[in-house]
Amino acid sequence: TAAGADALVFASPNAVHGCYRLLPRF
């Protein structure tokens, strides 16, 4: 659902890792 937002703010490299760990094609 977040993928459709007007803007995403990634707080850290750990957030990037966590996101793509769950959804590799995010």
mmCIF file of all heavy atoms, coordinates in Angstrom:
data_MODEL
# 
_entry.id   MODEL 
# 
loop_
_atom_site.group_PDB 
_atom_site.id 
_atom_site.type_symbol 
_atom_site.label_atom_id 
_atom_site.label_alt_id 
_atom_site.label_comp_id 
_atom_site.label_asym_id 
_atom_site.label_entity_id 
_atom_site.label_seq_id 
_atom_site.pdbx_PDB_ins_code 
_atom_site.Cartn_x 
_atom_site.Cartn_y 
_atom_site.Cartn_z 
_atom_site.occupancy 
_atom_site.B_iso_or_equiv 
_atom_site.pdbx_formal_charge 
_atom_site.auth_seq_id 
_atom_site.auth_comp_id 
_atom_site.auth_asym_id 
_atom_site.auth_atom_id 
_atom_site.pdbx_PDB_model_num 
ATOM 1   N N   . THR A 1 1  ? 0.831  -1.206  0.000   1.00 0.00 ? 1  THR A N   1 
ATOM 2   C CA  . THR A 1 1  ? 0.000  0.000   0.000   1.00 0.00 ? 1  THR A CA  1 
ATOM 3   C C   . THR A 1 1  ? 0.867  1.259   0.000   1.00 0.00 ? 1  THR A C   1 
ATOM 4   O O   . THR A 1 1  ? 0.555  2.240   -0.691  1.00 0.00 ? 1  THR A O   1 
ATOM 5   C CB  . THR A 1 1  ? -0.913 0.002   1.239   1.00 0.00 ? 1  THR A CB  1 
ATOM 6   O OG1 . THR A 1 1  ? -1.720 -1.178  1.229   1.00 0.00 ? 1  THR A OG1 1 
ATOM 7   C CG2 . THR A 1 1  ? -1.820 1.221   1.240   1.00 0.00 ? 1  THR A CG2 1 
ATOM 8   N N   . ALA A 1 2  ? 1.964  1.228   0.740   1.00 0.00 ? 2  ALA A N   1 
ATOM 9   C CA  . ALA A 1 2  ? 2.855  2.388   0.814   1.00 0.00 ? 2  ALA A CA  1 
ATOM 10  C C   . ALA A 1 2  ? 3.460  2.733   -0.539  1.00 0.00 ? 2  ALA A C   1 
ATOM 11  O O   . ALA A 1 2  ? 3.790  3.893   -0.807  1.00 0.00 ? 2  ALA A O   1 
ATOM 12  C CB  . ALA A 1 2  ? 3.964  2.131   1.831   1.00 0.00 ? 2  ALA A CB  1 
ATOM 13  N N   . ALA A 1 3  ? 3.626  1.747   -1.397  1.00 0.00 ? 3  ALA A N   1 
ATOM 14  C CA  . ALA A 1 3  ? 4.230  1.986   -2.713  1.00 0.00 ? 3  ALA A CA  1 
ATOM 15  C C   . ALA A 1 3  ? 3.440  3.004   -3.526  1.00 0.00 ? 3  ALA A C   1 
ATOM 16  O O   . ALA A 1 3  ? 3.996  3.666   -4.410  1.00 0.00 ? 3  ALA A O   1 
ATOM 17  C CB  . ALA A 1 3  ? 4.340  0.678   -3.487  1.00 0.00 ? 3  ALA A CB  1 
ATOM 18  N N   . GLY A 1 4  ? 2.168  3.175   -3.225  1.00 0.00 ? 4  GLY A N   1 
ATOM 19  C CA  . GLY A 1 4  ? 1.349  4.120   -3.958  1.00 0.00 ? 4  GLY A CA  1 
ATOM 20  C C   . GLY A 1 4  ? 1.303  5.511   -3.358  1.00 0.00 ? 4  GLY A C   1 
ATOM 21  O O   . GLY A 1 4  ? 0.581  6.381   -3.856  1.00 0.00 ? 4  GLY A O   1 
ATOM 22  N N   . ALA A 1 5  ? 2.077  5.771   -2.307  1.00 0.00 ? 5  ALA A N   1 
ATOM 23  C CA  . ALA A 1 5  ? 2.062  7.077   -1.650  1.00 0.00 ? 5  ALA A CA  1 
ATOM 24  C C   . ALA A 1 5  ? 2.684  8.152   -2.539  1.00 0.00 ? 5  ALA A C   1 
ATOM 25  O O   . ALA A 1 5  ? 3.440  7.869   -3.472  1.00 0.00 ? 5  ALA A O   1 
ATOM 26  C CB  . ALA A 1 5  ? 2.814  7.002   -0.320  1.00 0.00 ? 5  ALA A CB  1 
ATOM 27  N N   . ASP A 1 6  ? 2.373  9.404   -2.227  1.00 0.00 ? 6  ASP A N   1 
ATOM 28  C CA  . ASP A 1 6  ? 2.971  10.521  -2.969  1.00 0.00 ? 6  ASP A CA  1 
ATOM 29  C C   . ASP A 1 6  ? 4.465  10.629  -2.713  1.00 0.00 ? 6  ASP A C   1 
ATOM 30  O O   . ASP A 1 6  ? 5.222  11.088  -3.572  1.00 0.00 ? 6  ASP A O   1 
ATOM 31  C CB  . ASP A 1 6  ? 2.277  11.828  -2.579  1.00 0.00 ? 6  ASP A CB  1 
ATOM 32  C CG  . ASP A 1 6  ? 0.813  11.838  -2.982  1.00 0.00 ? 6  ASP A CG  1 
ATOM 33  O OD1 . ASP A 1 6  ? 0.535  11.942  -4.194  1.00 0.00 ? 6  ASP A OD1 1 
ATOM 34  O OD2 . ASP A 1 6  ? -0.044 11.726  -2.081  1.00 0.00 ? 6  ASP A OD2 1 
ATOM 35  N N   . ALA A 1 7  ? 4.896  10.211  -1.513  1.00 0.00 ? 7  ALA A N   1 
ATOM 36  C CA  . ALA A 1 7  ? 6.325  10.242  -1.186  1.00 0.00 ? 7  ALA A CA  1 
ATOM 37  C C   . ALA A 1 7  ? 6.624  9.206   -0.111  1.00 0.00 ? 7  ALA A C   1 
ATOM 38  O O   . ALA A 1 7  ? 5.810  8.970   0.792   1.00 0.00 ? 7  ALA A O   1 
ATOM 39  C CB  . ALA A 1 7  ? 6.755  11.627  -0.705  1.00 0.00 ? 7  ALA A CB  1 
ATOM 40  N N   . LEU A 1 8  ? 7.790  8.593   -0.242  1.00 0.00 ? 8  LEU A N   1 
ATOM 41  C CA  . LEU A 1 8  ? 8.317  7.695   0.774   1.00 0.00 ? 8  LEU A CA  1 
ATOM 42  C C   . LEU A 1 8  ? 9.593  8.299   1.334   1.00 0.00 ? 8  LEU A C   1 
ATOM 43  O O   . LEU A 1 8  ? 10.390 8.875   0.588   1.00 0.00 ? 8  LEU A O   1 
ATOM 44  C CB  . LEU A 1 8  ? 8.633  6.319   0.189   1.00 0.00 ? 8  LEU A CB  1 
ATOM 45  C CG  . LEU A 1 8  ? 7.480  5.482   -0.355  1.00 0.00 ? 8  LEU A CG  1 
ATOM 46  C CD1 . LEU A 1 8  ? 8.017  4.171   -0.915  1.00 0.00 ? 8  LEU A CD1 1 
ATOM 47  C CD2 . LEU A 1 8  ? 6.451  5.207   0.732   1.00 0.00 ? 8  LEU A CD2 1 
ATOM 48  N N   . VAL A 1 9  ? 9.793  8.152   2.631   1.00 0.00 ? 9  VAL A N   1 
ATOM 49  C CA  . VAL A 1 9  ? 11.021 8.627   3.283   1.00 0.00 ? 9  VAL A CA  1 
ATOM 50  C C   . VAL A 1 9  ? 11.685 7.430   3.952   1.00 0.00 ? 9  VAL A C   1 
ATOM 51  O O   . VAL A 1 9  ? 11.146 6.860   4.902   1.00 0.00 ? 9  VAL A O   1 
ATOM 52  C CB  . VAL A 1 9  ? 10.725 9.717   4.324   1.00 0.00 ? 9  VAL A CB  1 
ATOM 53  C CG1 . VAL A 1 9  ? 12.032 10.182  4.978   1.00 0.00 ? 9  VAL A CG1 1 
ATOM 54  C CG2 . VAL A 1 9  ? 9.992  10.894  3.696   1.00 0.00 ? 9  VAL A CG2 1 
ATOM 55  N N   . PHE A 1 10 ? 12.838 7.018   3.425   1.00 0.00 ? 10 PHE A N   1 
ATOM 56  C CA  . PHE A 1 10 ? 13.601 5.933   4.020   1.00 0.00 ? 10 PHE A CA  1 
ATOM 57  C C   . PHE A 1 10 ? 14.537 6.532   5.072   1.00 0.00 ? 10 PHE A C   1 
ATOM 58  O O   . PHE A 1 10 ? 15.371 7.382   4.761   1.00 0.00 ? 10 PHE A O   1 
ATOM 59  C CB  . PHE A 1 10 ? 14.410 5.184   2.968   1.00 0.00 ? 10 PHE A CB  1 
ATOM 60  C CG  . PHE A 1 10 ? 13.596 4.234   2.127   1.00 0.00 ? 10 PHE A CG  1 
ATOM 61  C CD1 . PHE A 1 10 ? 12.920 4.690   1.001   1.00 0.00 ? 10 PHE A CD1 1 
ATOM 62  C CD2 . PHE A 1 10 ? 13.505 2.896   2.463   1.00 0.00 ? 10 PHE A CD2 1 
ATOM 63  C CE1 . PHE A 1 10 ? 12.169 3.822   0.224   1.00 0.00 ? 10 PHE A CE1 1 
ATOM 64  C CE2 . PHE A 1 10 ? 12.758 2.011   1.698   1.00 0.00 ? 10 PHE A CE2 1 
ATOM 65  C CZ  . PHE A 1 10 ? 12.087 2.471   0.573   1.00 0.00 ? 10 PHE A CZ  1 
ATOM 66  N N   . ALA A 1 11 ? 14.415 6.071   6.318   1.00 0.00 ? 11 ALA A N   1 
ATOM 67  C CA  . ALA A 1 11 ? 15.160 6.671   7.421   1.00 0.00 ? 11 ALA A CA  1 
ATOM 68  C C   . ALA A 1 11 ? 16.599 6.187   7.508   1.00 0.00 ? 11 ALA A C   1 
ATOM 69  O O   . ALA A 1 11 ? 17.445 6.878   8.079   1.00 0.00 ? 11 ALA A O   1 
ATOM 70  C CB  . ALA A 1 11 ? 14.451 6.385   8.744   1.00 0.00 ? 11 ALA A CB  1 
ATOM 71  N N   . SER A 1 12 ? 16.905 5.017   6.943   1.00 0.00 ? 12 SER A N   1 
ATOM 72  C CA  . SER A 1 12 ? 18.231 4.434   7.140   1.00 0.00 ? 12 SER A CA  1 
ATOM 73  C C   . SER A 1 12 ? 18.456 3.305   6.142   1.00 0.00 ? 12 SER A C   1 
ATOM 74  O O   . SER A 1 12 ? 17.503 2.804   5.535   1.00 0.00 ? 12 SER A O   1 
ATOM 75  C CB  . SER A 1 12 ? 18.356 3.873   8.560   1.00 0.00 ? 12 SER A CB  1 
ATOM 76  O OG  . SER A 1 12 ? 17.469 2.765   8.704   1.00 0.00 ? 12 SER A OG  1 
ATOM 77  N N   . PRO A 1 13 ? 19.708 2.865   5.989   1.00 0.00 ? 13 PRO A N   1 
ATOM 78  C CA  . PRO A 1 13 ? 19.966 1.672   5.162   1.00 0.00 ? 13 PRO A CA  1 
ATOM 79  C C   . PRO A 1 13 ? 19.229 0.448   5.688   1.00 0.00 ? 13 PRO A C   1 
ATOM 80  O O   . PRO A 1 13 ? 18.838 -0.424  4.902   1.00 0.00 ? 13 PRO A O   1 
ATOM 81  C CB  . PRO A 1 13 ? 21.487 1.501   5.266   1.00 0.00 ? 13 PRO A CB  1 
ATOM 82  C CG  . PRO A 1 13 ? 22.012 2.866   5.564   1.00 0.00 ? 13 PRO A CG  1 
ATOM 83  C CD  . PRO A 1 13 ? 20.971 3.505   6.439   1.00 0.00 ? 13 PRO A CD  1 
ATOM 84  N N   . ASN A 1 14 ? 19.039 0.362   7.004   1.00 0.00 ? 14 ASN A N   1 
ATOM 85  C CA  . ASN A 1 14 ? 18.298 -0.769  7.562   1.00 0.00 ? 14 ASN A CA  1 
ATOM 86  C C   . ASN A 1 14 ? 16.849 -0.779  7.084   1.00 0.00 ? 14 ASN A C   1 
ATOM 87  O O   . ASN A 1 14 ? 16.254 -1.849  6.904   1.00 0.00 ? 14 ASN A O   1 
ATOM 88  C CB  . ASN A 1 14 ? 18.340 -0.715  9.092   1.00 0.00 ? 14 ASN A CB  1 
ATOM 89  C CG  . ASN A 1 14 ? 19.727 -0.972  9.636   1.00 0.00 ? 14 ASN A CG  1 
ATOM 90  O OD1 . ASN A 1 14 ? 20.348 -1.970  9.334   1.00 0.00 ? 14 ASN A OD1 1 
ATOM 91  N ND2 . ASN A 1 14 ? 20.227 -0.044  10.433  1.00 0.00 ? 14 ASN A ND2 1 
ATOM 92  N N   . ALA A 1 15 ? 16.283 0.405   6.888   1.00 0.00 ? 15 ALA A N   1 
ATOM 93  C CA  . ALA A 1 15 ? 14.921 0.486   6.362   1.00 0.00 ? 15 ALA A CA  1 
ATOM 94  C C   . ALA A 1 15 ? 14.874 -0.002  4.919   1.00 0.00 ? 15 ALA A C   1 
ATOM 95  O O   . ALA A 1 15 ? 13.926 -0.672  4.513   1.00 0.00 ? 15 ALA A O   1 
ATOM 96  C CB  . ALA A 1 15 ? 14.409 1.919   6.459   1.00 0.00 ? 15 ALA A CB  1 
ATOM 97  N N   . VAL A 1 16 ? 15.896 0.327   4.152   1.00 0.00 ? 16 VAL A N   1 
ATOM 98  C CA  . VAL A 1 16 ? 15.971 -0.151  2.768   1.00 0.00 ? 16 VAL A CA  1 
ATOM 99  C C   . VAL A 1 16 ? 16.066 -1.670  2.752   1.00 0.00 ? 16 VAL A C   1 
ATOM 100 O O   . VAL A 1 16 ? 15.346 -2.354  2.028   1.00 0.00 ? 16 VAL A O   1 
ATOM 101 C CB  . VAL A 1 16 ? 17.172 0.475   2.038   1.00 0.00 ? 16 VAL A CB  1 
ATOM 102 C CG1 . VAL A 1 16 ? 17.267 -0.052  0.612   1.00 0.00 ? 16 VAL A CG1 1 
ATOM 103 C CG2 . VAL A 1 16 ? 17.064 1.998   2.035   1.00 0.00 ? 16 VAL A CG2 1 
ATOM 104 N N   . HIS A 1 17 ? 16.959 -2.190  3.570   1.00 0.00 ? 17 HIS A N   1 
ATOM 105 C CA  . HIS A 1 17 ? 17.126 -3.648  3.650   1.00 0.00 ? 17 HIS A CA  1 
ATOM 106 C C   . HIS A 1 17 ? 15.819 -4.322  4.056   1.00 0.00 ? 17 HIS A C   1 
ATOM 107 O O   . HIS A 1 17 ? 15.408 -5.322  3.454   1.00 0.00 ? 17 HIS A O   1 
ATOM 108 C CB  . HIS A 1 17 ? 18.222 -3.987  4.655   1.00 0.00 ? 17 HIS A CB  1 
ATOM 109 C CG  . HIS A 1 17 ? 18.219 -5.425  5.085   1.00 0.00 ? 17 HIS A CG  1 
ATOM 110 N ND1 . HIS A 1 17 ? 18.712 -6.441  4.285   1.00 0.00 ? 17 HIS A ND1 1 
ATOM 111 C CD2 . HIS A 1 17 ? 17.758 -6.027  6.225   1.00 0.00 ? 17 HIS A CD2 1 
ATOM 112 C CE1 . HIS A 1 17 ? 18.557 -7.600  4.906   1.00 0.00 ? 17 HIS A CE1 1 
ATOM 113 N NE2 . HIS A 1 17 ? 17.977 -7.370  6.076   1.00 0.00 ? 17 HIS A NE2 1 
ATOM 114 N N   . GLY A 1 18 ? 15.165 -3.777  5.088   1.00 0.00 ? 18 GLY A N   1 
ATOM 115 C CA  . GLY A 1 18 ? 13.931 -4.388  5.564   1.00 0.00 ? 18 GLY A CA  1 
ATOM 116 C C   . GLY A 1 18 ? 12.837 -4.384  4.520   1.00 0.00 ? 18 GLY A C   1 
ATOM 117 O O   . GLY A 1 18 ? 12.092 -5.360  4.380   1.00 0.00 ? 18 GLY A O   1 
ATOM 118 N N   . CYS A 1 19 ? 12.731 -3.296  3.775   1.00 0.00 ? 19 CYS A N   1 
ATOM 119 C CA  . CYS A 1 19 ? 11.705 -3.184  2.740   1.00 0.00 ? 19 CYS A CA  1 
ATOM 120 C C   . CYS A 1 19 ? 11.905 -4.224  1.643   1.00 0.00 ? 19 CYS A C   1 
ATOM 121 O O   . CYS A 1 19 ? 10.989 -4.974  1.296   1.00 0.00 ? 19 CYS A O   1 
ATOM 122 C CB  . CYS A 1 19 ? 11.725 -1.770  2.161   1.00 0.00 ? 19 CYS A CB  1 
ATOM 123 S SG  . CYS A 1 19 ? 10.602 -1.520  0.772   1.00 0.00 ? 19 CYS A SG  1 
ATOM 124 N N   . TYR A 1 20 ? 13.129 -4.286  1.117   1.00 0.00 ? 20 TYR A N   1 
ATOM 125 C CA  . TYR A 1 20 ? 13.375 -5.177  -0.015  1.00 0.00 ? 20 TYR A CA  1 
ATOM 126 C C   . TYR A 1 20 ? 13.561 -6.628  0.413   1.00 0.00 ? 20 TYR A C   1 
ATOM 127 O O   . TYR A 1 20 ? 13.469 -7.536  -0.419  1.00 0.00 ? 20 TYR A O   1 
ATOM 128 C CB  . TYR A 1 20 ? 14.577 -4.676  -0.814  1.00 0.00 ? 20 TYR A CB  1 
ATOM 129 C CG  . TYR A 1 20 ? 14.228 -3.452  -1.634  1.00 0.00 ? 20 TYR A CG  1 
ATOM 130 C CD1 . TYR A 1 20 ? 14.393 -2.170  -1.113  1.00 0.00 ? 20 TYR A CD1 1 
ATOM 131 C CD2 . TYR A 1 20 ? 13.694 -3.581  -2.912  1.00 0.00 ? 20 TYR A CD2 1 
ATOM 132 C CE1 . TYR A 1 20 ? 14.048 -1.047  -1.847  1.00 0.00 ? 20 TYR A CE1 1 
ATOM 133 C CE2 . TYR A 1 20 ? 13.344 -2.464  -3.654  1.00 0.00 ? 20 TYR A CE2 1 
ATOM 134 C CZ  . TYR A 1 20 ? 13.518 -1.199  -3.116  1.00 0.00 ? 20 TYR A CZ  1 
ATOM 135 O OH  . TYR A 1 20 ? 13.162 -0.096  -3.857  1.00 0.00 ? 20 TYR A OH  1 
ATOM 136 N N   . ARG A 1 21 ? 13.794 -6.856  1.682   1.00 0.00 ? 21 ARG A N   1 
ATOM 137 C CA  . ARG A 1 21 ? 13.790 -8.231  2.194   1.00 0.00 ? 21 ARG A CA  1 
ATOM 138 C C   . ARG A 1 21 ? 12.388 -8.811  2.105   1.00 0.00 ? 21 ARG A C   1 
ATOM 139 O O   . ARG A 1 21 ? 12.198 -9.983  1.746   1.00 0.00 ? 21 ARG A O   1 
ATOM 140 C CB  . ARG A 1 21 ? 14.276 -8.235  3.651   1.00 0.00 ? 21 ARG A CB  1 
ATOM 141 C CG  . ARG A 1 21 ? 14.225 -9.596  4.337   1.00 0.00 ? 21 ARG A CG  1 
ATOM 142 C CD  . ARG A 1 21 ? 14.716 -9.486  5.769   1.00 0.00 ? 21 ARG A CD  1 
ATOM 143 N NE  . ARG A 1 21 ? 13.817 -8.685  6.590   1.00 0.00 ? 21 ARG A NE  1 
ATOM 144 C CZ  . ARG A 1 21 ? 12.854 -9.199  7.362   1.00 0.00 ? 21 ARG A CZ  1 
ATOM 145 N NH1 . ARG A 1 21 ? 12.674 -10.502 7.418   1.00 0.00 ? 21 ARG A NH1 1 
ATOM 146 N NH2 . ARG A 1 21 ? 12.090 -8.418  8.101   1.00 0.00 ? 21 ARG A NH2 1 
ATOM 147 N N   . LEU A 1 22 ? 11.399 -7.972  2.398   1.00 0.00 ? 22 LEU A N   1 
ATOM 148 C CA  . LEU A 1 22 ? 10.016 -8.417  2.365   1.00 0.00 ? 22 LEU A CA  1 
ATOM 149 C C   . LEU A 1 22 ? 9.435  -8.414  0.957   1.00 0.00 ? 22 LEU A C   1 
ATOM 150 O O   . LEU A 1 22 ? 8.686  -9.318  0.577   1.00 0.00 ? 22 LEU A O   1 
ATOM 151 C CB  . LEU A 1 22 ? 9.163  -7.537  3.282   1.00 0.00 ? 22 LEU A CB  1 
ATOM 152 C CG  . LEU A 1 22 ? 9.438  -7.673  4.777   1.00 0.00 ? 22 LEU A CG  1 
ATOM 153 C CD1 . LEU A 1 22 ? 8.789  -6.548  5.550   1.00 0.00 ? 22 LEU A CD1 1 
ATOM 154 C CD2 . LEU A 1 22 ? 8.938  -9.014  5.288   1.00 0.00 ? 22 LEU A CD2 1 
ATOM 155 N N   . LEU A 1 23 ? 9.771  -7.376  0.190   1.00 0.00 ? 23 LEU A N   1 
ATOM 156 C CA  . LEU A 1 23 ? 9.250  -7.241  -1.179  1.00 0.00 ? 23 LEU A CA  1 
ATOM 157 C C   . LEU A 1 23 ? 10.409 -6.940  -2.124  1.00 0.00 ? 23 LEU A C   1 
ATOM 158 O O   . LEU A 1 23 ? 10.709 -5.776  -2.407  1.00 0.00 ? 23 LEU A O   1 
ATOM 159 C CB  . LEU A 1 23 ? 8.209  -6.114  -1.250  1.00 0.00 ? 23 LEU A CB  1 
ATOM 160 C CG  . LEU A 1 23 ? 6.899  -6.315  -0.488  1.00 0.00 ? 23 LEU A CG  1 
ATOM 161 C CD1 . LEU A 1 23 ? 6.002  -5.082  -0.656  1.00 0.00 ? 23 LEU A CD1 1 
ATOM 162 C CD2 . LEU A 1 23 ? 6.159  -7.563  -0.963  1.00 0.00 ? 23 LEU A CD2 1 
ATOM 163 N N   . PRO A 1 24 ? 11.093 -7.960  -2.628  1.00 0.00 ? 24 PRO A N   1 
ATOM 164 C CA  . PRO A 1 24 ? 12.265 -7.742  -3.490  1.00 0.00 ? 24 PRO A CA  1 
ATOM 165 C C   . PRO A 1 24 ? 11.979 -6.901  -4.730  1.00 0.00 ? 24 PRO A C   1 
ATOM 166 O O   . PRO A 1 24 ? 12.891 -6.251  -5.251  1.00 0.00 ? 24 PRO A O   1 
ATOM 167 C CB  . PRO A 1 24 ? 12.687 -9.165  -3.869  1.00 0.00 ? 24 PRO A CB  1 
ATOM 168 C CG  . PRO A 1 24 ? 12.166 -10.024 -2.746  1.00 0.00 ? 24 PRO A CG  1 
ATOM 169 C CD  . PRO A 1 24 ? 10.867 -9.387  -2.345  1.00 0.00 ? 24 PRO A CD  1 
ATOM 170 N N   . ARG A 1 25 ? 10.754 -6.905  -5.207  1.00 0.00 ? 25 ARG A N   1 
ATOM 171 C CA  . ARG A 1 25 ? 10.403 -6.139  -6.413  1.00 0.00 ? 25 ARG A CA  1 
ATOM 172 C C   . ARG A 1 25 ? 9.657  -4.850  -6.080  1.00 0.00 ? 25 ARG A C   1 
ATOM 173 O O   . ARG A 1 25 ? 8.958  -4.286  -6.934  1.00 0.00 ? 25 ARG A O   1 
ATOM 174 C CB  . ARG A 1 25 ? 9.561  -6.997  -7.355  1.00 0.00 ? 25 ARG A CB  1 
ATOM 175 C CG  . ARG A 1 25 ? 10.316 -8.224  -7.865  1.00 0.00 ? 25 ARG A CG  1 
ATOM 176 C CD  . ARG A 1 25 ? 9.512  -8.980  -8.885  1.00 0.00 ? 25 ARG A CD  1 
ATOM 177 N NE  . ARG A 1 25 ? 10.243 -10.142 -9.389  1.00 0.00 ? 25 ARG A NE  1 
ATOM 178 C CZ  . ARG A 1 25 ? 9.783  -10.977 -10.327 1.00 0.00 ? 25 ARG A CZ  1 
ATOM 179 N NH1 . ARG A 1 25 ? 8.573  -10.774 -10.846 1.00 0.00 ? 25 ARG A NH1 1 
ATOM 180 N NH2 . ARG A 1 25 ? 10.519 -12.002 -10.716 1.00 0.00 ? 25 ARG A NH2 1 
ATOM 181 N N   . PHE A 1 26 ? 9.842  -4.373  -4.871  1.00 0.00 ? 26 PHE A N   1 
ATOM 182 C CA  . PHE A 1 26 ? 9.155  -3.152  -4.432  1.00 0.00 ? 26 PHE A CA  1 
ATOM 183 C C   . PHE A 1 26 ? 9.515  -1.980  -5.340  1.00 0.00 ? 26 PHE A C   1 
ATOM 184 O O   . PHE A 1 26 ? 10.686 -1.738  -5.636  1.00 0.00 ? 26 PHE A O   1 
ATOM 185 C CB  . PHE A 1 26 ? 9.569  -2.824  -2.992  1.00 0.00 ? 26 PHE A CB  1 
ATOM 186 C CG  . PHE A 1 26 ? 8.914  -1.589  -2.431  1.00 0.00 ? 26 PHE A CG  1 
ATOM 187 C CD1 . PHE A 1 26 ? 7.655  -1.644  -1.868  1.00 0.00 ? 26 PHE A CD1 1 
ATOM 188 C CD2 . PHE A 1 26 ? 9.564  -0.367  -2.467  1.00 0.00 ? 26 PHE A CD2 1 
ATOM 189 C CE1 . PHE A 1 26 ? 7.051  -0.511  -1.343  1.00 0.00 ? 26 PHE A CE1 1 
ATOM 190 C CE2 . PHE A 1 26 ? 8.990  0.770   -1.940  1.00 0.00 ? 26 PHE A CE2 1 
ATOM 191 C CZ  . PHE A 1 26 ? 7.717  0.697   -1.381  1.00 0.00 ? 26 PHE A CZ  1 
# 
